[in-house]
């Protein structure tokens, strides 16, 4: 059984969030396949310089999250101080 407030009206957002309407497309809610254009060059440009984009990410520092030797520690039980 569906939830009327959660069904249909699929949306596409362009991913450049600051200071404007970022909704590129909103479906009508009718069943179907919808196609919309997304400006990937604009998104890549934004992500290359924005603090929430890729400019300040350091994936080489994330290796510890996948390390088998520390996975149990990271996924362990939370200790309340």
PDB file of N, CA and C in Angstrom:
ATOM      1  N   UNK A   1       0.854  -1.189   0.000  1.00  0.00           N
ATOM      2  CA  UNK A   1       0.000   0.000   0.000  1.00  0.00           C
ATOM      3  C   UNK A   1       0.893   1.244   0.000  1.00  0.00           C
ATOM      4  N   UNK A   2       0.585   2.177  -0.832  1.00  0.00           N
ATOM      5  CA  UNK A   2       1.390   3.386  -0.955  1.00  0.00           C
ATOM      6  C   UNK A   2       1.077   4.415   0.107  1.00  0.00           C
ATOM      7  N   UNK A   3       1.881   5.437   0.121  1.00  0.00           N
ATOM      8  CA  UNK A   3       1.698   6.568   1.011  1.00  0.00           C
ATOM      9  C   UNK A   3       1.453   7.789   0.134  1.00  0.00           C
ATOM     10  N   UNK A   4       0.236   8.339   0.130  1.00  0.00           N
ATOM     11  CA  UNK A   4      -0.108   9.430  -0.799  1.00  0.00           C
ATOM     12  C   UNK A   4       0.843  10.620  -0.767  1.00  0.00           C
ATOM     13  N   UNK A   5       1.452  10.919   0.374  1.00  0.00           N
ATOM     14  CA  UNK A   5       2.336  12.073   0.425  1.00  0.00           C
ATOM     15  C   UNK A   5       3.761  11.758  -0.021  1.00  0.00           C
ATOM     16  N   UNK A   6       4.017  10.507  -0.399  1.00  0.00           N
ATOM     17  CA  UNK A   6       5.379  10.116  -0.790  1.00  0.00           C
ATOM     18  C   UNK A   6       5.464   9.587  -2.215  1.00  0.00           C
ATOM     19  N   UNK A   7       4.367   9.484  -2.913  1.00  0.00           N
ATOM     20  CA  UNK A   7       4.361   8.860  -4.233  1.00  0.00           C
ATOM     21  C   UNK A   7       4.308   9.898  -5.348  1.00  0.00           C
ATOM     22  N   UNK A   8       4.990   9.592  -6.439  1.00  0.00           N
ATOM     23  CA  UNK A   8       4.931  10.470  -7.606  1.00  0.00           C
ATOM     24  C   UNK A   8       5.737  11.733  -7.427  1.00  0.00           C
ATOM     25  N   UNK A   9       5.629  12.590  -8.383  1.00  0.00           N
ATOM     26  CA  UNK A   9       6.332  13.874  -8.378  1.00  0.00           C
ATOM     27  C   UNK A   9       7.826  13.698  -8.155  1.00  0.00           C
ATOM     28  N   UNK A  10       8.418  12.718  -8.829  1.00  0.00           N
ATOM     29  CA  UNK A  10       9.868  12.570  -8.758  1.00  0.00           C
ATOM     30  C   UNK A  10      10.505  13.864  -9.223  1.00  0.00           C
ATOM     31  N   UNK A  11      11.641  14.191  -8.632  1.00  0.00           N
ATOM     32  CA  UNK A  11      12.295  15.450  -8.948  1.00  0.00           C
ATOM     33  C   UNK A  11      13.764  15.229  -9.302  1.00  0.00           C
ATOM     34  N   UNK A  12      14.305  16.190 -10.034  1.00  0.00           N
ATOM     35  CA  UNK A  12      15.725  16.216 -10.356  1.00  0.00           C
ATOM     36  C   UNK A  12      16.246  17.582  -9.934  1.00  0.00           C
ATOM     37  N   UNK A  13      17.299  17.561  -9.119  1.00  0.00           N
ATOM     38  CA  UNK A  13      17.929  18.796  -8.670  1.00  0.00           C
ATOM     39  C   UNK A  13      19.321  18.886  -9.285  1.00  0.00           C
ATOM     40  N   UNK A  14      19.765  20.093  -9.592  1.00  0.00           N
ATOM     41  CA  UNK A  14      21.024  20.231 -10.323  1.00  0.00           C
ATOM     42  C   UNK A  14      22.262  20.121  -9.449  1.00  0.00           C
ATOM     43  N   UNK A  15      22.143  20.150  -8.139  1.00  0.00           N
ATOM     44  CA  UNK A  15      23.276  19.947  -7.256  1.00  0.00           C
ATOM     45  C   UNK A  15      24.107  21.179  -6.971  1.00  0.00           C
ATOM     46  N   UNK A  16      23.716  22.329  -7.479  1.00  0.00           N
ATOM     47  CA  UNK A  16      24.408  23.583  -7.192  1.00  0.00           C
ATOM     48  C   UNK A  16      23.472  24.389  -6.286  1.00  0.00           C
ATOM     49  N   UNK A  17      23.622  24.251  -4.958  1.00  0.00           N
ATOM     50  CA  UNK A  17      22.566  24.642  -4.036  1.00  0.00           C
ATOM     51  C   UNK A  17      22.456  26.092  -3.611  1.00  0.00           C
ATOM     52  N   UNK A  18      23.386  26.930  -3.908  1.00  0.00           N
ATOM     53  CA  UNK A  18      23.389  28.227  -3.241  1.00  0.00           C
ATOM     54  C   UNK A  18      22.619  29.327  -3.972  1.00  0.00           C
ATOM     55  N   UNK A  19      21.610  29.872  -3.309  1.00  0.00           N
ATOM     56  CA  UNK A  19      20.966  31.106  -3.719  1.00  0.00           C
ATOM     57  C   UNK A  19      19.984  31.077  -4.871  1.00  0.00           C
ATOM     58  N   UNK A  20      19.421  29.928  -5.204  1.00  0.00           N
ATOM     59  CA  UNK A  20      18.470  29.894  -6.301  1.00  0.00           C
ATOM     60  C   UNK A  20      17.676  28.597  -6.246  1.00  0.00           C
ATOM     61  N   UNK A  21      16.662  28.497  -7.095  1.00  0.00           N
ATOM     62  CA  UNK A  21      15.859  27.275  -7.189  1.00  0.00           C
ATOM     63  C   UNK A  21      16.685  26.223  -7.917  1.00  0.00           C
ATOM     64  N   UNK A  22      16.926  25.097  -7.273  1.00  0.00           N
ATOM     65  CA  UNK A  22      17.786  24.073  -7.862  1.00  0.00           C
ATOM     66  C   UNK A  22      17.005  22.928  -8.498  1.00  0.00           C
ATOM     67  N   UNK A  23      15.675  23.014  -8.474  1.00  0.00           N
ATOM     68  CA  UNK A  23      14.864  21.964  -9.084  1.00  0.00           C
ATOM     69  C   UNK A  23      14.869  22.140 -10.599  1.00  0.00           C
ATOM     70  N   UNK A  24      15.399  21.141 -11.285  1.00  0.00           N
ATOM     71  CA  UNK A  24      15.486  21.169 -12.740  1.00  0.00           C
ATOM     72  C   UNK A  24      14.232  20.579 -13.363  1.00  0.00           C
ATOM     73  N   UNK A  25      13.658  19.585 -12.681  1.00  0.00           N
ATOM     74  CA  UNK A  25      12.501  18.883 -13.238  1.00  0.00           C
ATOM     75  C   UNK A  25      11.665  18.282 -12.124  1.00  0.00           C
ATOM     76  N   UNK A  26      10.341  18.352 -12.271  1.00  0.00           N
ATOM     77  CA  UNK A  26       9.419  17.672 -11.367  1.00  0.00           C
ATOM     78  C   UNK A  26       8.389  16.933 -12.212  1.00  0.00           C
ATOM     79  N   UNK A  27       8.304  15.620 -12.005  1.00  0.00           N
ATOM     80  CA  UNK A  27       7.355  14.812 -12.769  1.00  0.00           C
ATOM     81  C   UNK A  27       5.927  15.130 -12.332  1.00  0.00           C
ATOM     82  N   UNK A  28       4.990  14.804 -13.196  1.00  0.00           N
ATOM     83  CA  UNK A  28       3.584  15.124 -12.948  1.00  0.00           C
ATOM     84  C   UNK A  28       2.937  14.243 -11.897  1.00  0.00           C
ATOM     85  N   UNK A  29       3.537  13.118 -11.599  1.00  0.00           N
ATOM     86  CA  UNK A  29       2.925  12.176 -10.675  1.00  0.00           C
ATOM     87  C   UNK A  29       2.246  11.024 -11.386  1.00  0.00           C
ATOM     88  N   UNK A  30       2.094  11.164 -12.687  1.00  0.00           N
ATOM     89  CA  UNK A  30       1.528  10.079 -13.490  1.00  0.00           C
ATOM     90  C   UNK A  30       2.612   9.040 -13.744  1.00  0.00           C
ATOM     91  N   UNK A  31       2.242   7.763 -13.820  1.00  0.00           N
ATOM     92  CA  UNK A  31       3.238   6.732 -14.117  1.00  0.00           C
ATOM     93  C   UNK A  31       3.904   6.997 -15.467  1.00  0.00           C
ATOM     94  N   UNK A  32       5.186   6.733 -15.552  1.00  0.00           N
ATOM     95  CA  UNK A  32       5.887   6.920 -16.811  1.00  0.00           C
ATOM     96  C   UNK A  32       7.377   7.038 -16.616  1.00  0.00           C
ATOM     97  N   UNK A  33       8.057   7.165 -17.718  1.00  0.00           N
ATOM     98  CA  UNK A  33       9.496   7.399 -17.724  1.00  0.00           C
ATOM     99  C   UNK A  33       9.692   8.836 -18.166  1.00  0.00           C
ATOM    100  N   UNK A  34      10.432   9.588 -17.373  1.00  0.00           N
ATOM    101  CA  UNK A  34      10.635  11.004 -17.656  1.00  0.00           C
ATOM    102  C   UNK A  34      12.100  11.260 -17.964  1.00  0.00           C
ATOM    103  N   UNK A  35      12.348  12.178 -18.860  1.00  0.00           N
ATOM    104  CA  UNK A  35      13.699  12.528 -19.267  1.00  0.00           C
ATOM    105  C   UNK A  35      13.887  14.021 -19.041  1.00  0.00           C
ATOM    106  N   UNK A  36      15.027  14.377 -18.440  1.00  0.00           N
ATOM    107  CA  UNK A  36      15.325  15.788 -18.192  1.00  0.00           C
ATOM    108  C   UNK A  36      16.802  16.036 -18.469  1.00  0.00           C
ATOM    109  N   UNK A  37      17.124  17.265 -18.799  1.00  0.00           N
ATOM    110  CA  UNK A  37      18.508  17.646 -19.045  1.00  0.00           C
ATOM    111  C   UNK A  37      19.157  18.126 -17.756  1.00  0.00           C
ATOM    112  N   UNK A  38      20.403  17.739 -17.564  1.00  0.00           N
ATOM    113  CA  UNK A  38      21.188  18.175 -16.420  1.00  0.00           C
ATOM    114  C   UNK A  38      22.522  18.687 -16.941  1.00  0.00           C
ATOM    115  N   UNK A  39      22.898  19.894 -16.534  1.00  0.00           N
ATOM    116  CA  UNK A  39      24.134  20.514 -16.996  1.00  0.00           C
ATOM    117  C   UNK A  39      25.303  19.986 -16.159  1.00  0.00           C
ATOM    118  N   UNK A  40      25.927  18.909 -16.620  1.00  0.00           N
ATOM    119  CA  UNK A  40      27.015  18.282 -15.875  1.00  0.00           C
ATOM    120  C   UNK A  40      28.257  19.166 -15.813  1.00  0.00           C
ATOM    121  N   UNK A  41      28.501  19.973 -16.843  1.00  0.00           N
ATOM    122  CA  UNK A  41      29.655  20.871 -16.804  1.00  0.00           C
ATOM    123  C   UNK A  41      29.504  21.886 -15.674  1.00  0.00           C
ATOM    124  N   UNK A  42      28.307  22.418 -15.506  1.00  0.00           N
ATOM    125  CA  UNK A  42      28.049  23.358 -14.421  1.00  0.00           C
ATOM    126  C   UNK A  42      28.221  22.683 -13.062  1.00  0.00           C
ATOM    127  N   UNK A  43      27.720  21.466 -12.926  1.00  0.00           N
ATOM    128  CA  UNK A  43      27.851  20.729 -11.673  1.00  0.00           C
ATOM    129  C   UNK A  43      29.317  20.441 -11.367  1.00  0.00           C
ATOM    130  N   UNK A  44      30.073  20.017 -12.357  1.00  0.00           N
ATOM    131  CA  UNK A  44      31.501  19.740 -12.145  1.00  0.00           C
ATOM    132  C   UNK A  44      32.268  21.005 -11.766  1.00  0.00           C
ATOM    133  N   UNK A  45      31.930  22.125 -12.405  1.00  0.00           N
ATOM    134  CA  UNK A  45      32.581  23.396 -12.082  1.00  0.00           C
ATOM    135  C   UNK A  45      32.291  23.771 -10.635  1.00  0.00           C
ATOM    136  N   UNK A  46      31.045  23.631 -10.229  1.00  0.00           N
ATOM    137  CA  UNK A  46      30.659  23.941  -8.846  1.00  0.00           C
ATOM    138  C   UNK A  46      31.416  23.052  -7.860  1.00  0.00           C
ATOM    139  N   UNK A  47      31.431  21.762  -8.113  1.00  0.00           N
ATOM    140  CA  UNK A  47      32.070  20.820  -7.190  1.00  0.00           C
ATOM    141  C   UNK A  47      33.581  20.996  -7.108  1.00  0.00           C
ATOM    142  N   UNK A  48      34.176  21.549  -8.153  1.00  0.00           N
ATOM    143  CA  UNK A  48      35.628  21.729  -8.131  1.00  0.00           C
ATOM    144  C   UNK A  48      36.052  22.878  -7.225  1.00  0.00           C
ATOM    145  N   UNK A  49      35.129  23.772  -6.861  1.00  0.00           N
ATOM    146  CA  UNK A  49      35.509  24.927  -6.056  1.00  0.00           C
ATOM    147  C   UNK A  49      34.725  25.125  -4.778  1.00  0.00           C
ATOM    148  N   UNK A  50      33.611  24.459  -4.618  1.00  0.00           N
ATOM    149  CA  UNK A  50      32.766  24.662  -3.445  1.00  0.00           C
ATOM    150  C   UNK A  50      33.246  23.823  -2.269  1.00  0.00           C
ATOM    151  N   UNK A  51      33.117  24.343  -1.077  1.00  0.00           N
ATOM    152  CA  UNK A  51      33.551  23.630   0.120  1.00  0.00           C
ATOM    153  C   UNK A  51      32.808  22.303   0.304  1.00  0.00           C
ATOM    154  N   UNK A  52      31.574  22.214  -0.198  1.00  0.00           N
ATOM    155  CA  UNK A  52      30.813  20.972  -0.089  1.00  0.00           C
ATOM    156  C   UNK A  52      31.057  20.068  -1.294  1.00  0.00           C
ATOM    157  N   UNK A  53      31.893  20.507  -2.214  1.00  0.00           N
ATOM    158  CA  UNK A  53      32.195  19.720  -3.409  1.00  0.00           C
ATOM    159  C   UNK A  53      33.456  18.903  -3.229  1.00  0.00           C
ATOM    160  N   UNK A  54      34.155  18.698  -4.324  1.00  0.00           N
ATOM    161  CA  UNK A  54      35.326  17.830  -4.313  1.00  0.00           C
ATOM    162  C   UNK A  54      36.623  18.538  -3.917  1.00  0.00           C
ATOM    163  N   UNK A  55      36.644  19.864  -3.938  1.00  0.00           N
ATOM    164  CA  UNK A  55      37.891  20.596  -3.737  1.00  0.00           C
ATOM    165  C   UNK A  55      38.587  20.254  -2.422  1.00  0.00           C
ATOM    166  N   UNK A  56      37.825  20.072  -1.361  1.00  0.00           N
ATOM    167  CA  UNK A  56      38.422  19.863  -0.056  1.00  0.00           C
ATOM    168  C   UNK A  56      38.355  18.410   0.411  1.00  0.00           C
ATOM    169  N   UNK A  57      37.983  17.498  -0.471  1.00  0.00           N
ATOM    170  CA  UNK A  57      37.933  16.084  -0.109  1.00  0.00           C
ATOM    171  C   UNK A  57      39.316  15.461  -0.243  1.00  0.00           C
ATOM    172  N   UNK A  58      39.604  14.516   0.618  1.00  0.00           N
ATOM    173  CA  UNK A  58      40.886  13.828   0.623  1.00  0.00           C
ATOM    174  C   UNK A  58      40.656  12.328   0.729  1.00  0.00           C
ATOM    175  N   UNK A  59      40.242  11.679  -0.382  1.00  0.00           N
ATOM    176  CA  UNK A  59      39.918  10.257  -0.313  1.00  0.00           C
ATOM    177  C   UNK A  59      41.075   9.391   0.163  1.00  0.00           C
ATOM    178  N   UNK A  60      42.304   9.848  -0.008  1.00  0.00           N
ATOM    179  CA  UNK A  60      43.444   9.061   0.464  1.00  0.00           C
ATOM    180  C   UNK A  60      43.438   8.923   1.986  1.00  0.00           C
ATOM    181  N   UNK A  61      42.724   9.788   2.672  1.00  0.00           N
ATOM    182  CA  UNK A  61      42.625   9.708   4.133  1.00  0.00           C
ATOM    183  C   UNK A  61      41.507   8.777   4.592  1.00  0.00           C
ATOM    184  N   UNK A  62      40.692   8.292   3.684  1.00  0.00           N
ATOM    185  CA  UNK A  62      39.554   7.448   4.042  1.00  0.00           C
ATOM    186  C   UNK A  62      39.906   5.966   4.065  1.00  0.00           C
ATOM    187  N   UNK A  63      41.117   5.615   3.694  1.00  0.00           N
ATOM    188  CA  UNK A  63      41.502   4.208   3.631  1.00  0.00           C
ATOM    189  C   UNK A  63      41.234   3.469   4.932  1.00  0.00           C
ATOM    190  N   UNK A  64      41.375   4.139   6.059  1.00  0.00           N
ATOM    191  CA  UNK A  64      41.173   3.492   7.350  1.00  0.00           C
ATOM    192  C   UNK A  64      39.750   2.945   7.485  1.00  0.00           C
ATOM    193  N   UNK A  65      38.791   3.560   6.826  1.00  0.00           N
ATOM    194  CA  UNK A  65      37.408   3.099   6.922  1.00  0.00           C
ATOM    195  C   UNK A  65      37.203   1.742   6.270  1.00  0.00           C
ATOM    196  N   UNK A  66      38.056   1.385   5.331  1.00  0.00           N
ATOM    197  CA  UNK A  66      37.944   0.107   4.638  1.00  0.00           C
ATOM    198  C   UNK A  66      38.964  -0.916   5.142  1.00  0.00           C
ATOM    199  N   UNK A  67      39.813  -0.517   6.069  1.00  0.00           N
ATOM    200  CA  UNK A  67      40.856  -1.406   6.583  1.00  0.00           C
ATOM    201  C   UNK A  67      40.239  -2.506   7.441  1.00  0.00           C
ATOM    202  N   UNK A  68      40.467  -3.760   7.055  1.00  0.00           N
ATOM    203  CA  UNK A  68      39.918  -4.913   7.785  1.00  0.00           C
ATOM    204  C   UNK A  68      40.375  -4.940   9.237  1.00  0.00           C
ATOM    205  N   UNK A  69      41.559  -4.434   9.529  1.00  0.00           N
ATOM    206  CA  UNK A  69      42.109  -4.477  10.887  1.00  0.00           C
ATOM    207  C   UNK A  69      41.414  -3.527  11.853  1.00  0.00           C
ATOM    208  N   UNK A  70      40.772  -2.485  11.331  1.00  0.00           N
ATOM    209  CA  UNK A  70      40.112  -1.526  12.221  1.00  0.00           C
ATOM    210  C   UNK A  70      38.605  -1.487  12.038  1.00  0.00           C
ATOM    211  N   UNK A  71      38.081  -2.266  11.111  1.00  0.00           N
ATOM    212  CA  UNK A  71      36.642  -2.241  10.849  1.00  0.00           C
ATOM    213  C   UNK A  71      35.843  -2.537  12.116  1.00  0.00           C
ATOM    214  N   UNK A  72      36.276  -3.514  12.897  1.00  0.00           N
ATOM    215  CA  UNK A  72      35.571  -3.854  14.135  1.00  0.00           C
ATOM    216  C   UNK A  72      35.558  -2.717  15.136  1.00  0.00           C
ATOM    217  N   UNK A  73      36.622  -1.946  15.159  1.00  0.00           N
ATOM    218  CA  UNK A  73      36.701  -0.815  16.081  1.00  0.00           C
ATOM    219  C   UNK A  73      35.750   0.287  15.633  1.00  0.00           C
ATOM    220  N   UNK A  74      35.762   0.583  14.343  1.00  0.00           N
ATOM    221  CA  UNK A  74      34.900   1.639  13.812  1.00  0.00           C
ATOM    222  C   UNK A  74      33.431   1.267  13.941  1.00  0.00           C
ATOM    223  N   UNK A  75      33.100   0.003  13.664  1.00  0.00           N
ATOM    224  CA  UNK A  75      31.705  -0.444  13.702  1.00  0.00           C
ATOM    225  C   UNK A  75      31.300  -0.918  15.099  1.00  0.00           C
ATOM    226  N   UNK A  76      32.193  -0.756  16.069  1.00  0.00           N
ATOM    227  CA  UNK A  76      31.928  -1.261  17.413  1.00  0.00           C
ATOM    228  C   UNK A  76      30.820  -0.499  18.129  1.00  0.00           C
ATOM    229  N   UNK A  77      30.568  -0.966  19.329  1.00  0.00           N
ATOM    230  CA  UNK A  77      29.494  -0.382  20.136  1.00  0.00           C
ATOM    231  C   UNK A  77      29.890   1.012  20.602  1.00  0.00           C
ATOM    232  N   UNK A  78      28.936   1.906  20.588  1.00  0.00           N
ATOM    233  CA  UNK A  78      29.187   3.283  21.033  1.00  0.00           C
ATOM    234  C   UNK A  78      29.353   3.287  22.548  1.00  0.00           C
ATOM    235  N   UNK A  79      30.389   3.940  23.024  1.00  0.00           N
ATOM    236  CA  UNK A  79      30.652   4.000  24.469  1.00  0.00           C
ATOM    237  C   UNK A  79      30.236   5.372  24.973  1.00  0.00           C
ATOM    238  N   UNK A  80      29.321   5.386  25.944  1.00  0.00           N
ATOM    239  CA  UNK A  80      28.879   6.656  26.546  1.00  0.00           C
ATOM    240  C   UNK A  80      29.876   7.036  27.650  1.00  0.00           C
ATOM    241  N   UNK A  81      30.379   8.247  27.622  1.00  0.00           N
ATOM    242  CA  UNK A  81      31.346   8.693  28.633  1.00  0.00           C
ATOM    243  C   UNK A  81      30.642   9.160  29.865  1.00  0.00           C
TER     244      UNK A  81
END
